[in-house]
PDB file of N, CA and C in Angstrom:
ATOM      1  N   UNK A   1      -2.075  -7.305  51.386  1.00  0.00           N
ATOM      2  CA  UNK A   1      -1.228  -6.575  50.471  1.00  0.00           C
ATOM      3  C   UNK A   1      -1.809  -6.626  49.042  1.00  0.00           C
ATOM      4  N   UNK A   2      -2.225  -7.771  48.660  1.00  0.00           N
ATOM      5  CA  UNK A   2      -2.791  -7.929  47.327  1.00  0.00           C
ATOM      6  C   UNK A   2      -4.113  -7.221  47.174  1.00  0.00           C
ATOM      7  N   UNK A   3      -4.864  -7.110  48.252  1.00  0.00           N
ATOM      8  CA  UNK A   3      -6.166  -6.428  48.217  1.00  0.00           C
ATOM      9  C   UNK A   3      -5.982  -4.927  48.076  1.00  0.00           C
ATOM     10  N   UNK A   4      -4.904  -4.383  48.608  1.00  0.00           N
ATOM     11  CA  UNK A   4      -4.657  -2.935  48.471  1.00  0.00           C
ATOM     12  C   UNK A   4      -4.418  -2.533  47.014  1.00  0.00           C
ATOM     13  N   UNK A   5      -3.731  -3.382  46.272  1.00  0.00           N
ATOM     14  CA  UNK A   5      -3.475  -3.090  44.880  1.00  0.00           C
ATOM     15  C   UNK A   5      -4.750  -3.101  44.072  1.00  0.00           C
ATOM     16  N   UNK A   6      -5.651  -4.011  44.393  1.00  0.00           N
ATOM     17  CA  UNK A   6      -6.894  -4.067  43.658  1.00  0.00           C
ATOM     18  C   UNK A   6      -7.748  -2.848  43.971  1.00  0.00           C
ATOM     19  N   UNK A   7      -7.758  -2.406  45.183  1.00  0.00           N
ATOM     20  CA  UNK A   7      -8.564  -1.237  45.576  1.00  0.00           C
ATOM     21  C   UNK A   7      -7.974   0.056  45.036  1.00  0.00           C
ATOM     22  N   UNK A   8      -6.704   0.111  44.782  1.00  0.00           N
ATOM     23  CA  UNK A   8      -6.068   1.340  44.258  1.00  0.00           C
ATOM     24  C   UNK A   8      -6.356   1.560  42.773  1.00  0.00           C
ATOM     25  N   UNK A   9      -6.858   0.567  42.087  1.00  0.00           N
ATOM     26  CA  UNK A   9      -7.133   0.697  40.655  1.00  0.00           C
ATOM     27  C   UNK A   9      -8.277   1.704  40.476  1.00  0.00           C
ATOM     28  N   UNK A  10      -8.144   2.601  39.500  1.00  0.00           N
ATOM     29  CA  UNK A  10      -9.198   3.582  39.276  1.00  0.00           C
ATOM     30  C   UNK A  10     -10.472   2.899  38.790  1.00  0.00           C
ATOM     31  N   UNK A  11     -11.594   3.476  39.170  1.00  0.00           N
ATOM     32  CA  UNK A  11     -12.864   2.880  38.780  1.00  0.00           C
ATOM     33  C   UNK A  11     -13.162   3.132  37.306  1.00  0.00           C
ATOM     34  N   UNK A  12     -12.764   4.293  36.827  1.00  0.00           N
ATOM     35  CA  UNK A  12     -13.007   4.644  35.424  1.00  0.00           C
ATOM     36  C   UNK A  12     -11.716   4.459  34.644  1.00  0.00           C
ATOM     37  N   UNK A  13     -11.725   3.556  33.660  1.00  0.00           N
ATOM     38  CA  UNK A  13     -10.492   3.293  32.909  1.00  0.00           C
ATOM     39  C   UNK A  13     -10.162   4.425  31.956  1.00  0.00           C
ATOM     40  N   UNK A  14     -11.076   5.380  31.693  1.00  0.00           N
ATOM     41  CA  UNK A  14     -10.814   6.494  30.816  1.00  0.00           C
ATOM     42  C   UNK A  14      -9.751   7.447  31.375  1.00  0.00           C
ATOM     43  N   UNK A  15      -9.569   7.415  32.664  1.00  0.00           N
ATOM     44  CA  UNK A  15      -8.570   8.295  33.306  1.00  0.00           C
ATOM     45  C   UNK A  15      -7.169   7.897  32.888  1.00  0.00           C
ATOM     46  N   UNK A  16      -6.952   6.612  32.584  1.00  0.00           N
ATOM     47  CA  UNK A  16      -5.620   6.143  32.202  1.00  0.00           C
ATOM     48  C   UNK A  16      -5.311   6.367  30.721  1.00  0.00           C
ATOM     49  N   UNK A  17      -6.334   6.605  29.920  1.00  0.00           N
ATOM     50  CA  UNK A  17      -6.159   6.751  28.474  1.00  0.00           C
ATOM     51  C   UNK A  17      -5.382   8.030  28.182  1.00  0.00           C
ATOM     52  N   UNK A  18      -4.213   7.876  27.561  1.00  0.00           N
ATOM     53  CA  UNK A  18      -3.323   8.975  27.292  1.00  0.00           C
ATOM     54  C   UNK A  18      -3.862   9.730  26.041  1.00  0.00           C
ATOM     55  N   UNK A  19      -4.316   8.975  25.058  1.00  0.00           N
ATOM     56  CA  UNK A  19      -4.893   9.608  23.878  1.00  0.00           C
ATOM     57  C   UNK A  19      -4.033   9.398  22.637  1.00  0.00           C
ATOM     58  N   UNK A  20      -4.583   9.830  21.554  1.00  0.00           N
ATOM     59  CA  UNK A  20      -3.905   9.754  20.274  1.00  0.00           C
ATOM     60  C   UNK A  20      -2.878  10.880  20.233  1.00  0.00           C
ATOM     61  N   UNK A  21      -1.592  10.547  20.062  1.00  0.00           N
ATOM     62  CA  UNK A  21      -0.533  11.571  20.139  1.00  0.00           C
ATOM     63  C   UNK A  21      -0.638  12.568  18.987  1.00  0.00           C
ATOM     64  N   UNK A  22      -1.228  12.170  17.855  1.00  0.00           N
ATOM     65  CA  UNK A  22      -1.354  13.075  16.737  1.00  0.00           C
ATOM     66  C   UNK A  22      -2.680  13.820  16.764  1.00  0.00           C
ATOM     67  N   UNK A  23      -3.610  13.359  17.526  1.00  0.00           N
ATOM     68  CA  UNK A  23      -4.912  14.030  17.592  1.00  0.00           C
ATOM     69  C   UNK A  23      -5.891  13.465  16.575  1.00  0.00           C
ATOM     70  N   UNK A  24      -7.171  13.605  16.839  1.00  0.00           N
ATOM     71  CA  UNK A  24      -8.212  13.040  15.964  1.00  0.00           C
ATOM     72  C   UNK A  24      -8.282  13.815  14.659  1.00  0.00           C
ATOM     73  N   UNK A  25      -7.966  15.069  14.685  1.00  0.00           N
ATOM     74  CA  UNK A  25      -8.038  15.888  13.444  1.00  0.00           C
ATOM     75  C   UNK A  25      -7.035  15.319  12.420  1.00  0.00           C
ATOM     76  N   UNK A  26      -5.816  15.022  12.857  1.00  0.00           N
ATOM     77  CA  UNK A  26      -4.801  14.470  11.983  1.00  0.00           C
ATOM     78  C   UNK A  26      -5.217  13.100  11.476  1.00  0.00           C
ATOM     79  N   UNK A  27      -5.843  12.277  12.338  1.00  0.00           N
ATOM     80  CA  UNK A  27      -6.313  10.953  11.944  1.00  0.00           C
ATOM     81  C   UNK A  27      -7.355  11.054  10.853  1.00  0.00           C
ATOM     82  N   UNK A  28      -8.323  11.984  10.987  1.00  0.00           N
ATOM     83  CA  UNK A  28      -9.362  12.124   9.989  1.00  0.00           C
ATOM     84  C   UNK A  28      -8.809  12.695   8.693  1.00  0.00           C
ATOM     85  N   UNK A  29      -7.823  13.579   8.771  1.00  0.00           N
ATOM     86  CA  UNK A  29      -7.202  14.088   7.541  1.00  0.00           C
ATOM     87  C   UNK A  29      -6.464  12.966   6.835  1.00  0.00           C
ATOM     88  N   UNK A  30      -5.765  12.122   7.566  1.00  0.00           N
ATOM     89  CA  UNK A  30      -5.071  10.972   6.985  1.00  0.00           C
ATOM     90  C   UNK A  30      -6.036   9.986   6.343  1.00  0.00           C
ATOM     91  N   UNK A  31      -7.156   9.760   6.985  1.00  0.00           N
ATOM     92  CA  UNK A  31      -8.178   8.912   6.424  1.00  0.00           C
ATOM     93  C   UNK A  31      -8.722   9.504   5.118  1.00  0.00           C
ATOM     94  N   UNK A  32      -8.935  10.789   5.091  1.00  0.00           N
ATOM     95  CA  UNK A  32      -9.384  11.432   3.890  1.00  0.00           C
ATOM     96  C   UNK A  32      -8.389  11.328   2.742  1.00  0.00           C
ATOM     97  N   UNK A  33      -7.103  11.426   3.056  1.00  0.00           N
ATOM     98  CA  UNK A  33      -6.080  11.283   2.021  1.00  0.00           C
ATOM     99  C   UNK A  33      -6.062   9.863   1.478  1.00  0.00           C
ATOM    100  N   UNK A  34      -6.183   8.872   2.353  1.00  0.00           N
ATOM    101  CA  UNK A  34      -6.186   7.496   1.933  1.00  0.00           C
ATOM    102  C   UNK A  34      -7.408   7.210   1.035  1.00  0.00           C
ATOM    103  N   UNK A  35      -8.573   7.695   1.439  1.00  0.00           N
ATOM    104  CA  UNK A  35      -9.787   7.473   0.618  1.00  0.00           C
ATOM    105  C   UNK A  35      -9.659   8.190  -0.701  1.00  0.00           C
ATOM    106  N   UNK A  36      -9.118   9.396  -0.715  1.00  0.00           N
ATOM    107  CA  UNK A  36      -8.933  10.131  -1.960  1.00  0.00           C
ATOM    108  C   UNK A  36      -7.991   9.382  -2.921  1.00  0.00           C
ATOM    109  N   UNK A  37      -6.913   8.840  -2.393  1.00  0.00           N
ATOM    110  CA  UNK A  37      -5.982   8.096  -3.241  1.00  0.00           C
ATOM    111  C   UNK A  37      -6.623   6.827  -3.794  1.00  0.00           C
ATOM    112  N   UNK A  38      -7.413   6.160  -2.963  1.00  0.00           N
ATOM    113  CA  UNK A  38      -8.136   4.961  -3.457  1.00  0.00           C
ATOM    114  C   UNK A  38      -9.118   5.323  -4.547  1.00  0.00           C
ATOM    115  N   UNK A  39      -9.820   6.445  -4.397  1.00  0.00           N
ATOM    116  CA  UNK A  39     -10.757   6.883  -5.436  1.00  0.00           C
ATOM    117  C   UNK A  39     -10.022   7.272  -6.703  1.00  0.00           C
ATOM    118  N   UNK A  40      -8.856   7.906  -6.578  1.00  0.00           N
ATOM    119  CA  UNK A  40      -8.063   8.256  -7.733  1.00  0.00           C
ATOM    120  C   UNK A  40      -7.551   6.985  -8.469  1.00  0.00           C
ATOM    121  N   UNK A  41      -7.120   6.000  -7.729  1.00  0.00           N
ATOM    122  CA  UNK A  41      -6.656   4.756  -8.336  1.00  0.00           C
ATOM    123  C   UNK A  41      -7.820   4.048  -9.037  1.00  0.00           C
ATOM    124  N   UNK A  42      -8.987   4.026  -8.412  1.00  0.00           N
ATOM    125  CA  UNK A  42     -10.169   3.393  -9.011  1.00  0.00           C
ATOM    126  C   UNK A  42     -10.556   4.122 -10.290  1.00  0.00           C
ATOM    127  N   UNK A  43     -10.542   5.465 -10.260  1.00  0.00           N
ATOM    128  CA  UNK A  43     -10.891   6.275 -11.434  1.00  0.00           C
ATOM    129  C   UNK A  43      -9.913   6.023 -12.580  1.00  0.00           C
ATOM    130  N   UNK A  44      -8.611   6.003 -12.264  1.00  0.00           N
ATOM    131  CA  UNK A  44      -7.614   5.767 -13.307  1.00  0.00           C
ATOM    132  C   UNK A  44      -7.757   4.360 -13.895  1.00  0.00           C
ATOM    133  N   UNK A  45      -8.065   3.382 -13.026  1.00  0.00           N
ATOM    134  CA  UNK A  45      -8.188   2.003 -13.489  1.00  0.00           C
ATOM    135  C   UNK A  45      -9.407   1.866 -14.427  1.00  0.00           C
ATOM    136  N   UNK A  46     -10.501   2.555 -14.081  1.00  0.00           N
ATOM    137  CA  UNK A  46     -11.690   2.425 -14.923  1.00  0.00           C
ATOM    138  C   UNK A  46     -11.633   3.245 -16.203  1.00  0.00           C
ATOM    139  N   UNK A  47     -10.830   4.307 -16.268  1.00  0.00           N
ATOM    140  CA  UNK A  47     -10.745   5.109 -17.447  1.00  0.00           C
ATOM    141  C   UNK A  47      -9.645   4.741 -18.401  1.00  0.00           C
ATOM    142  N   UNK A  48      -8.720   3.885 -17.981  1.00  0.00           N
ATOM    143  CA  UNK A  48      -7.622   3.498 -18.833  1.00  0.00           C
ATOM    144  C   UNK A  48      -8.163   2.606 -19.949  1.00  0.00           C
ATOM    145  N   UNK A  49      -7.626   2.712 -21.144  1.00  0.00           N
ATOM    146  CA  UNK A  49      -8.183   1.988 -22.307  1.00  0.00           C
ATOM    147  C   UNK A  49      -7.857   0.489 -22.209  1.00  0.00           C
ATOM    148  N   UNK A  50      -6.611   0.139 -21.998  1.00  0.00           N
ATOM    149  CA  UNK A  50      -6.259  -1.268 -21.869  1.00  0.00           C
ATOM    150  C   UNK A  50      -5.857  -1.529 -20.419  1.00  0.00           C
ATOM    151  N   UNK A  51      -6.577  -2.413 -19.808  1.00  0.00           N
ATOM    152  CA  UNK A  51      -6.276  -2.757 -18.429  1.00  0.00           C
ATOM    153  C   UNK A  51      -5.103  -3.719 -18.394  1.00  0.00           C
ATOM    154  N   UNK A  52      -4.275  -3.624 -17.391  1.00  0.00           N
ATOM    155  CA  UNK A  52      -3.136  -4.564 -17.305  1.00  0.00           C
ATOM    156  C   UNK A  52      -3.584  -6.020 -17.263  1.00  0.00           C
ATOM    157  N   UNK A  53      -4.741  -6.308 -16.665  1.00  0.00           N
ATOM    158  CA  UNK A  53      -5.190  -7.698 -16.584  1.00  0.00           C
ATOM    159  C   UNK A  53      -5.736  -8.186 -17.912  1.00  0.00           C
ATOM    160  N   UNK A  54      -6.144  -7.274 -18.817  1.00  0.00           N
ATOM    161  CA  UNK A  54      -6.715  -7.669 -20.099  1.00  0.00           C
ATOM    162  C   UNK A  54      -5.657  -7.877 -21.173  1.00  0.00           C
ATOM    163  N   UNK A  55      -4.461  -7.379 -20.947  1.00  0.00           N
ATOM    164  CA  UNK A  55      -3.438  -7.462 -21.995  1.00  0.00           C
ATOM    165  C   UNK A  55      -2.963  -8.905 -22.176  1.00  0.00           C
ATOM    166  N   UNK A  56      -2.765  -9.277 -23.430  1.00  0.00           N
ATOM    167  CA  UNK A  56      -2.289 -10.612 -23.722  1.00  0.00           C
ATOM    168  C   UNK A  56      -0.785 -10.660 -23.530  1.00  0.00           C
ATOM    169  N   UNK A  57      -0.276 -11.843 -23.285  1.00  0.00           N
ATOM    170  CA  UNK A  57       1.184 -11.937 -23.122  1.00  0.00           C
ATOM    171  C   UNK A  57       1.850 -11.697 -24.461  1.00  0.00           C
ATOM    172  N   UNK A  58       2.872 -10.908 -24.424  1.00  0.00           N
ATOM    173  CA  UNK A  58       3.565 -10.560 -25.656  1.00  0.00           C
ATOM    174  C   UNK A  58       4.830 -11.413 -25.748  1.00  0.00           C
ATOM    175  N   UNK A  59       5.135 -11.874 -26.954  1.00  0.00           N
ATOM    176  CA  UNK A  59       6.341 -12.635 -27.178  1.00  0.00           C
ATOM    177  C   UNK A  59       7.251 -11.857 -28.103  1.00  0.00           C
ATOM    178  N   UNK A  60       8.515 -11.955 -27.815  1.00  0.00           N
ATOM    179  CA  UNK A  60       9.514 -11.279 -28.610  1.00  0.00           C
ATOM    180  C   UNK A  60      10.224 -12.348 -29.457  1.00  0.00           C
ATOM    181  N   UNK A  61      10.232 -12.121 -30.746  1.00  0.00           N
ATOM    182  CA  UNK A  61      10.926 -13.089 -31.630  1.00  0.00           C
ATOM    183  C   UNK A  61      12.196 -12.446 -32.133  1.00  0.00           C
ATOM    184  N   UNK A  62      13.231 -13.242 -32.148  1.00  0.00           N
ATOM    185  CA  UNK A  62      14.544 -12.776 -32.642  1.00  0.00           C
ATOM    186  C   UNK A  62      14.721 -13.343 -34.038  1.00  0.00           C
ATOM    187  N   UNK A  63      14.997 -12.457 -34.953  1.00  0.00           N
ATOM    188  CA  UNK A  63      15.062 -12.887 -36.355  1.00  0.00           C
ATOM    189  C   UNK A  63      16.394 -13.531 -36.729  1.00  0.00           C
ATOM    190  N   UNK A  64      17.429 -13.351 -35.882  1.00  0.00           N
ATOM    191  CA  UNK A  64      18.769 -13.883 -36.239  1.00  0.00           C
ATOM    192  C   UNK A  64      19.032 -15.145 -35.418  1.00  0.00           C
ATOM    193  N   UNK A  65      19.717 -16.078 -36.020  1.00  0.00           N
ATOM    194  CA  UNK A  65      20.111 -17.256 -35.267  1.00  0.00           C
ATOM    195  C   UNK A  65      21.504 -17.031 -34.640  1.00  0.00           C
ATOM    196  N   UNK A  66      21.886 -17.930 -33.787  1.00  0.00           N
ATOM    197  CA  UNK A  66      23.103 -17.717 -33.015  1.00  0.00           C
ATOM    198  C   UNK A  66      24.387 -17.749 -33.868  1.00  0.00           C
ATOM    199  N   UNK A  67      24.376 -18.403 -35.002  1.00  0.00           N
ATOM    200  CA  UNK A  67      25.561 -18.426 -35.849  1.00  0.00           C
ATOM    201  C   UNK A  67      25.867 -17.024 -36.395  1.00  0.00           C
ATOM    202  N   UNK A  68      24.835 -16.277 -36.695  1.00  0.00           N
ATOM    203  CA  UNK A  68      25.058 -14.923 -37.187  1.00  0.00           C
ATOM    204  C   UNK A  68      25.544 -14.018 -36.073  1.00  0.00           C
ATOM    205  N   UNK A  69      25.082 -14.242 -34.893  1.00  0.00           N
ATOM    206  CA  UNK A  69      25.491 -13.425 -33.739  1.00  0.00           C
ATOM    207  C   UNK A  69      26.970 -13.634 -33.396  1.00  0.00           C
ATOM    208  N   UNK A  70      27.470 -14.848 -33.566  1.00  0.00           N
ATOM    209  CA  UNK A  70      28.872 -15.142 -33.273  1.00  0.00           C
ATOM    210  C   UNK A  70      29.794 -14.349 -34.195  1.00  0.00           C
ATOM    211  N   UNK A  71      29.411 -14.197 -35.425  1.00  0.00           N
ATOM    212  CA  UNK A  71      30.212 -13.461 -36.384  1.00  0.00           C
ATOM    213  C   UNK A  71      30.247 -11.973 -36.066  1.00  0.00           C
ATOM    214  N   UNK A  72      29.233 -11.458 -35.390  1.00  0.00           N
ATOM    215  CA  UNK A  72      29.155 -10.011 -35.089  1.00  0.00           C
ATOM    216  C   UNK A  72      29.769  -9.702 -33.745  1.00  0.00           C
ATOM    217  N   UNK A  73      30.087 -10.643 -32.937  1.00  0.00           N
ATOM    218  CA  UNK A  73      30.604 -10.359 -31.591  1.00  0.00           C
ATOM    219  C   UNK A  73      32.003  -9.766 -31.678  1.00  0.00           C
ATOM    220  N   UNK A  74      32.320  -8.970 -30.690  1.00  0.00           N
ATOM    221  CA  UNK A  74      33.656  -8.370 -30.618  1.00  0.00           C
ATOM    222  C   UNK A  74      34.458  -9.104 -29.570  1.00  0.00           C
ATOM    223  N   UNK A  75      35.577  -9.647 -29.961  1.00  0.00           N
ATOM    224  CA  UNK A  75      36.439 -10.374 -28.989  1.00  0.00           C
ATOM    225  C   UNK A  75      37.698  -9.663 -28.715  1.00  0.00           C
TER     226      UNK A  75
END
């Protein structure tokens, strides 16, 4: 019984391949879109004047102390 199952297997495994449901044309178009977006991101990163990685950390200073803020609060 077990030998029959082994013999029933197709010799060529390509016969079982169902294929890409979207088709190869769609896959190559998607690949082109991904590559185009990566190139656009690279171009924008290289042409921008200040890169996000180059910017220094900015600190915000508040000129008023908390006693002045208490007087301005609405209760």
